[in-house]
Amino acid sequence: MDLTRRRLMSGLAASAVGAGVLGVGAATLRGPRNIDAVAGAIEAGPLEGELSGAWPTTTTLLPGLDPATGIGVSGPIGPPWPTSFTVADAISPEVPIYSAPGVRVPTARTLPHPTVEGYRLVMLVREKQGDWLQVQINTRPNGATAWIRHSDVTLRTVPNHILVELEAKRLQVFHGSKAIFEAPIAPGKASTPTPLGAFYVDILTRPTNQNGPYGAYQISVTGFSEVYDSFGGGNGQIAIHGTNRPSLIGKPASNGCVRMTNEDVSALIPLAERGTPVVIVA
């Protein structure tokens, strides 16, 4: 078996999972899917270069709460690793955010749905308290969290999490503690490093130019560059994507994104539904 690209996707039977911080509510676990099963979730067109927005400079902070904005910063997701993670999909045109259950953030900020980029609003649930959900959101600082009302979203679960190891130049997908996929990557250069932290997938998109620098697919990740406030017309958000320079895989070569071969990123797509946690370590 090719040790640099393991696809161990058989034998994951569906099972029920109970409530937990990252598995809020009982649900039926969905095993790995084929590409056709997630095709409806993949957006057409380029991702980077279309992003817009105005965010302050990001930093990777310790868990806590910024009293000026009411935005919290999440801690690590695991281990131990659950076999199910709860994801919130917005159903309201705007989702008000709170610094604590019932306490609006000082700015009275809301999250637009669709997002400022025109995509569906997705959040990773970190905690549940009654009718309130603490969610990780796609904004600076990295790992930002806020509270929202359960009534503003619907909940579903995703079965996997992604681990990116920068020094090893490797991406793995896990179902619980079991590795089900592995592939080599090209992370950020020393001058434009890939940010560390716990993030999640928020957009799946197929670039219009399959032979361009972003390759066959882009998997947008809710981490932001700590070097760029903006990049390519966007806001410095990173992605896992394909490449038209596969010879650079295995080397630190990107501006902060995680590059994969087109074959590997195509195989990753069915395992990386919107809301899938992405943990990036040194």
Protein backbone atom coordinates (compact mmCIF):
# COMPACT_ATOMS: atom_id res chain seq x y z
CA MET A 1 0.00 0.00 0.00
CA ASP A 2 1.21 3.51 -0.81
CA LEU A 3 2.07 4.93 2.61
CA THR A 4 1.89 8.51 1.37
CA ARG A 5 -1.71 8.19 0.27
CA ARG A 6 -3.80 5.77 2.25
CA ARG A 7 -7.48 5.46 1.54
CA LEU A 8 -8.88 3.26 4.24
CA MET A 9 -12.48 4.16 3.68
CA SER A 10 -14.20 0.78 3.93
CA GLY A 11 -15.84 -0.67 6.97
CA LEU A 12 -17.23 2.50 8.58
CA ALA A 13 -20.72 1.39 9.54
CA ALA A 14 -23.42 3.87 10.43
CA SER A 15 -24.11 4.13 14.14
CA ALA A 16 -25.91 6.39 16.59
CA VAL A 17 -23.90 8.88 18.60
CA GLY A 18 -24.84 10.60 21.82
CA ALA A 19 -24.63 14.19 22.97
CA GLY A 20 -21.30 15.86 23.60
CA VAL A 21 -19.60 19.24 23.35
CA LEU A 22 -18.80 18.58 19.70
CA GLY A 23 -21.55 16.05 19.14
CA VAL A 24 -24.56 18.01 20.35
CA GLY A 25 -27.75 15.98 20.04
CA ALA A 26 -28.27 12.43 18.89
CA ALA A 27 -27.80 11.76 15.18
CA THR A 28 -27.05 8.99 12.74
CA LEU A 29 -23.41 8.88 11.78
CA ARG A 30 -22.78 9.16 8.08
CA GLY A 31 -19.78 7.31 6.73
CA PRO A 32 -17.52 8.45 3.88
CA ARG A 33 -19.33 9.44 0.70
CA ASN A 34 -18.53 9.38 -2.97
CA ILE A 35 -18.01 12.56 -4.95
CA ASP A 36 -21.51 12.51 -6.45
CA ALA A 37 -23.09 12.50 -3.00
CA VAL A 38 -21.57 15.87 -2.12
CA ALA A 39 -21.72 17.46 -5.57
CA GLY A 40 -24.66 19.62 -4.57
CA ALA A 41 -22.56 21.25 -1.86
CA ILE A 42 -19.75 22.28 -4.22
CA GLU A 43 -19.89 25.83 -5.52
CA ALA A 44 -18.78 26.71 -9.04
CA GLY A 45 -16.10 29.27 -9.72
CA PRO A 46 -12.89 30.41 -8.06
CA LEU A 47 -12.77 30.96 -4.32
CA GLU A 48 -9.72 33.13 -3.74
CA GLY A 49 -9.96 36.37 -5.65
CA GLU A 50 -13.72 36.60 -5.05
CA LEU A 51 -13.60 37.01 -1.29
CA SER A 52 -14.27 40.41 0.20
CA GLY A 53 -14.80 41.93 3.62
CA ALA A 54 -13.15 44.10 6.23
CA TRP A 55 -11.59 42.37 9.21
CA PRO A 56 -8.86 43.55 11.61
CA THR A 57 -5.43 41.96 11.63
CA THR A 58 -5.65 38.46 13.03
CA THR A 59 -3.62 36.89 15.78
CA THR A 60 -3.76 33.40 17.24
CA LEU A 61 -4.89 34.03 20.80
CA LEU A 62 -5.36 32.00 23.95
CA PRO A 63 -8.94 31.03 24.77
CA GLY A 64 -10.82 34.01 26.18
CA LEU A 65 -13.21 36.85 25.40
CA ASP A 66 -12.46 40.28 23.92
CA PRO A 67 -14.64 42.68 25.94
CA ALA A 68 -14.59 45.29 23.15
CA THR A 69 -16.12 43.00 20.54
CA GLY A 70 -17.69 40.24 22.63
CA ILE A 71 -15.96 37.70 20.38
CA GLY A 72 -14.41 34.72 22.14
CA VAL A 73 -11.51 32.52 21.08
CA SER A 74 -11.92 28.77 21.17
CA GLY A 75 -9.63 26.23 22.74
CA PRO A 76 -8.47 23.00 21.08
CA ILE A 77 -11.00 20.51 19.74
CA GLY A 78 -9.32 17.27 20.84
CA PRO A 79 -8.12 14.71 21.74
CA PRO A 80 -10.05 12.63 22.63
CA TRP A 81 -11.71 12.68 19.22
CA PRO A 82 -15.45 12.05 18.84
CA THR A 83 -16.83 10.24 15.82
CA SER A 84 -19.34 13.01 15.17
CA PHE A 85 -19.21 16.81 15.15
CA THR A 86 -22.25 19.07 15.19
CA VAL A 87 -22.59 21.79 12.56
CA ALA A 88 -25.05 24.70 12.46
CA ASP A 89 -26.48 25.87 9.12
CA ALA A 90 -28.10 29.31 9.17
CA ILE A 91 -31.78 29.55 8.24
CA SER A 92 -32.27 33.25 9.05
CA PRO A 93 -31.19 36.12 6.76
CA GLU A 94 -29.05 37.37 9.64
CA VAL A 95 -27.79 35.55 12.71
CA PRO A 96 -27.31 37.80 15.77
CA ILE A 97 -24.28 36.85 17.85
CA TYR A 98 -23.92 37.01 21.62
CA SER A 99 -20.96 37.08 23.99
CA ALA A 100 -22.91 34.81 26.37
CA PRO A 101 -26.42 33.33 26.26
CA GLY A 102 -28.81 36.29 26.10
CA VAL A 103 -26.02 38.92 26.12
CA ARG A 104 -25.56 40.68 22.78
CA VAL A 105 -22.03 41.56 21.72
CA PRO A 106 -21.24 45.27 22.31
CA THR A 107 -21.25 45.96 18.57
CA ALA A 108 -24.68 44.33 18.07
CA ARG A 109 -23.05 42.46 15.20
CA THR A 110 -24.94 39.96 13.11
CA LEU A 111 -23.65 37.33 10.69
CA PRO A 112 -25.16 37.71 7.21
CA HIS A 113 -26.69 34.75 5.43
CA PRO A 114 -25.65 34.29 2.69
CA THR A 115 -22.20 35.44 3.70
CA VAL A 116 -20.49 38.56 2.34
CA GLU A 117 -18.92 36.25 -0.25
CA GLY A 118 -22.32 34.95 -1.32
CA TYR A 119 -22.05 31.49 0.26
CA ARG A 120 -24.17 29.68 2.81
CA LEU A 121 -23.37 30.45 6.45
CA VAL A 122 -21.96 27.43 8.30
CA MET A 123 -20.72 27.29 11.90
CA LEU A 124 -19.09 24.59 14.02
CA VAL A 125 -20.88 23.96 17.32
CA ARG A 126 -18.57 23.92 20.34
CA GLU A 127 -21.08 23.87 23.21
CA LYS A 128 -24.80 23.79 23.94
CA GLN A 129 -26.67 25.41 26.85
CA GLY A 130 -30.42 25.01 26.65
CA ASP A 131 -31.63 26.92 23.59
CA TRP A 132 -28.20 28.47 23.03
CA LEU A 133 -25.23 27.28 21.00
CA GLN A 134 -21.62 28.38 21.26
CA VAL A 135 -20.27 28.24 17.73
CA GLN A 136 -16.97 28.79 16.05
CA ILE A 137 -17.40 31.42 13.33
CA ASN A 138 -15.57 32.42 10.19
CA THR A 139 -14.00 35.70 11.24
CA ARG A 140 -10.85 37.08 12.78
CA PRO A 141 -9.23 36.43 15.21
CA ASN A 142 -8.44 32.82 14.39
CA GLY A 143 -10.64 30.48 16.38
CA ALA A 144 -13.32 33.14 16.97
CA THR A 145 -16.45 32.00 18.82
CA ALA A 146 -19.81 33.50 19.72
CA TRP A 147 -23.18 32.37 21.03
CA ILE A 148 -26.26 32.10 18.82
CA ARG A 149 -29.88 31.05 19.25
CA HIS A 150 -30.73 27.51 18.23
CA SER A 151 -33.82 28.86 16.45
CA ASP A 152 -31.61 30.68 13.90
CA VAL A 153 -30.04 27.47 12.59
CA THR A 154 -30.59 23.83 11.80
CA LEU A 155 -28.19 21.19 13.09
CA ARG A 156 -26.53 18.25 11.39
CA THR A 157 -23.44 16.16 12.02
CA VAL A 158 -20.25 15.45 10.11
CA PRO A 159 -18.27 12.25 10.76
CA ASN A 160 -14.63 13.21 10.24
CA HIS A 161 -11.92 15.66 11.19
CA ILE A 162 -8.83 16.73 9.26
CA LEU A 163 -5.33 16.95 10.72
CA VAL A 164 -2.67 18.98 8.90
CA GLU A 165 0.92 18.53 10.10
CA LEU A 166 3.15 21.26 8.70
CA GLU A 167 6.56 19.83 9.60
CA ALA A 168 5.59 16.38 8.32
CA LYS A 169 3.95 18.02 5.26
CA ARG A 170 1.05 15.65 5.62
CA LEU A 171 -2.73 15.83 5.69
CA GLN A 172 -4.79 13.08 7.30
CA VAL A 173 -8.51 12.52 7.70
CA PHE A 174 -9.70 10.73 10.82
CA HIS A 175 -12.97 9.13 11.81
CA GLY A 176 -12.60 9.23 15.57
CA SER A 177 -9.05 8.00 16.16
CA LYS A 178 -8.92 5.95 12.95
CA ALA A 179 -7.03 7.39 9.97
CA ILE A 180 -9.03 6.92 6.77
CA PHE A 181 -7.03 9.09 4.35
CA GLU A 182 -3.49 10.45 4.09
CA ALA A 183 -1.70 12.56 1.49
CA PRO A 184 1.40 14.77 1.18
CA ILE A 185 0.99 18.55 1.07
CA ALA A 186 2.82 21.78 0.34
CA PRO A 187 2.23 24.15 3.29
CA GLY A 188 3.13 27.83 3.59
CA LYS A 189 6.65 29.16 3.22
CA ALA A 190 8.55 30.45 6.26
CA SER A 191 7.71 34.02 5.23
CA THR A 192 4.01 33.23 4.72
CA PRO A 193 3.26 30.38 7.12
CA THR A 194 0.08 28.38 7.31
CA PRO A 195 -1.68 29.46 10.53
CA LEU A 196 -1.89 27.01 13.41
CA GLY A 197 -5.11 26.28 15.22
CA ALA A 198 -8.51 24.61 15.19
CA PHE A 199 -10.70 25.63 12.24
CA TYR A 200 -13.42 24.12 10.06
CA VAL A 201 -14.42 23.77 6.41
CA ASP A 202 -16.89 26.44 5.33
CA ILE A 203 -16.95 26.27 1.51
CA LEU A 204 -16.33 23.60 -1.12
CA THR A 205 -15.74 25.04 -4.57
CA ARG A 206 -14.60 23.93 -8.02
CA PRO A 207 -12.42 26.57 -9.74
CA THR A 208 -13.50 27.53 -13.23
CA ASN A 209 -9.92 26.98 -14.43
CA GLN A 210 -9.08 23.39 -13.50
CA ASN A 211 -5.52 23.93 -14.76
CA GLY A 212 -4.95 27.07 -12.70
CA PRO A 213 -2.99 27.52 -9.46
CA TYR A 214 -5.89 26.26 -7.32
CA GLY A 215 -6.31 23.04 -9.25
CA ALA A 216 -9.36 20.80 -9.26
CA TYR A 217 -11.02 21.86 -5.99
CA GLN A 218 -10.75 24.35 -3.15
CA ILE A 219 -11.77 23.55 0.40
CA SER A 220 -12.07 26.84 2.25
CA VAL A 221 -10.84 26.71 5.86
CA THR A 222 -11.80 29.28 8.52
CA GLY A 223 -8.20 30.20 9.32
CA PHE A 224 -6.66 33.52 8.33
CA SER A 225 -3.11 34.39 7.37
CA GLU A 226 -1.11 36.14 10.07
CA VAL A 227 0.92 37.86 7.34
CA TYR A 228 -1.72 39.01 4.85
CA ASP A 229 -4.72 41.16 5.73
CA SER A 230 -5.80 40.60 2.14
CA PHE A 231 -4.61 38.39 -0.69
CA GLY A 232 -5.70 38.08 -4.30
CA GLY A 233 -8.66 40.37 -3.70
CA GLY A 234 -9.76 38.36 -0.68
CA ASN A 235 -9.38 38.69 3.08
CA GLY A 236 -6.41 36.41 3.68
CA GLN A 237 -8.48 33.30 4.43
CA ILE A 238 -6.68 30.04 3.73
CA ALA A 239 -7.85 26.99 1.83
CA ILE A 240 -6.85 23.43 1.05
CA HIS A 241 -6.66 23.23 -2.72
CA GLY A 242 -5.17 21.53 -5.74
CA THR A 243 -2.27 22.82 -7.78
CA ASN A 244 -0.83 23.11 -11.27
CA ARG A 245 2.68 22.65 -9.84
CA PRO A 246 2.62 19.16 -8.32
CA SER A 247 6.43 19.06 -8.20
CA LEU A 248 6.25 21.41 -5.18
CA ILE A 249 4.22 18.98 -3.07
CA GLY A 250 6.29 18.00 -0.05
CA LYS A 251 7.94 21.42 0.15
CA PRO A 252 6.94 24.62 1.99
CA ALA A 253 5.84 26.55 -1.08
CA SER A 254 2.51 28.34 -0.59
CA ASN A 255 1.39 31.76 0.64
CA GLY A 256 -0.33 30.09 3.59
CA CYS A 257 -2.75 27.70 1.94
CA VAL A 258 -2.36 23.92 1.95
CA ARG A 259 -1.68 22.56 -1.54
CA MET A 260 -2.35 19.00 -2.63
CA THR A 261 -2.17 17.19 -5.94
CA ASN A 262 -5.39 17.40 -7.92
CA GLU A 263 -5.89 13.66 -7.48
CA ASP A 264 -5.59 13.92 -3.72
CA VAL A 265 -7.79 16.98 -3.26
CA SER A 266 -10.45 15.29 -5.42
CA ALA A 267 -10.31 12.25 -3.12
CA LEU A 268 -10.52 14.52 -0.07
CA ILE A 269 -13.71 16.31 -1.15
CA PRO A 270 -16.17 13.52 -0.15
CA LEU A 271 -14.56 13.33 3.31
CA ALA A 272 -14.63 17.07 4.01
CA GLU A 273 -18.23 18.22 4.24
CA ARG A 274 -18.96 21.79 5.25
CA GLY A 275 -18.37 22.08 8.97
CA THR A 276 -15.65 19.41 9.12
CA PRO A 277 -13.07 20.40 11.77
CA VAL A 278 -9.56 21.15 10.50
CA VAL A 279 -6.72 21.09 13.03
CA ILE A 280 -3.39 22.53 11.87
CA VAL A 281 -0.30 21.78 13.96
CA ALA A 282 3.40 22.50 13.54
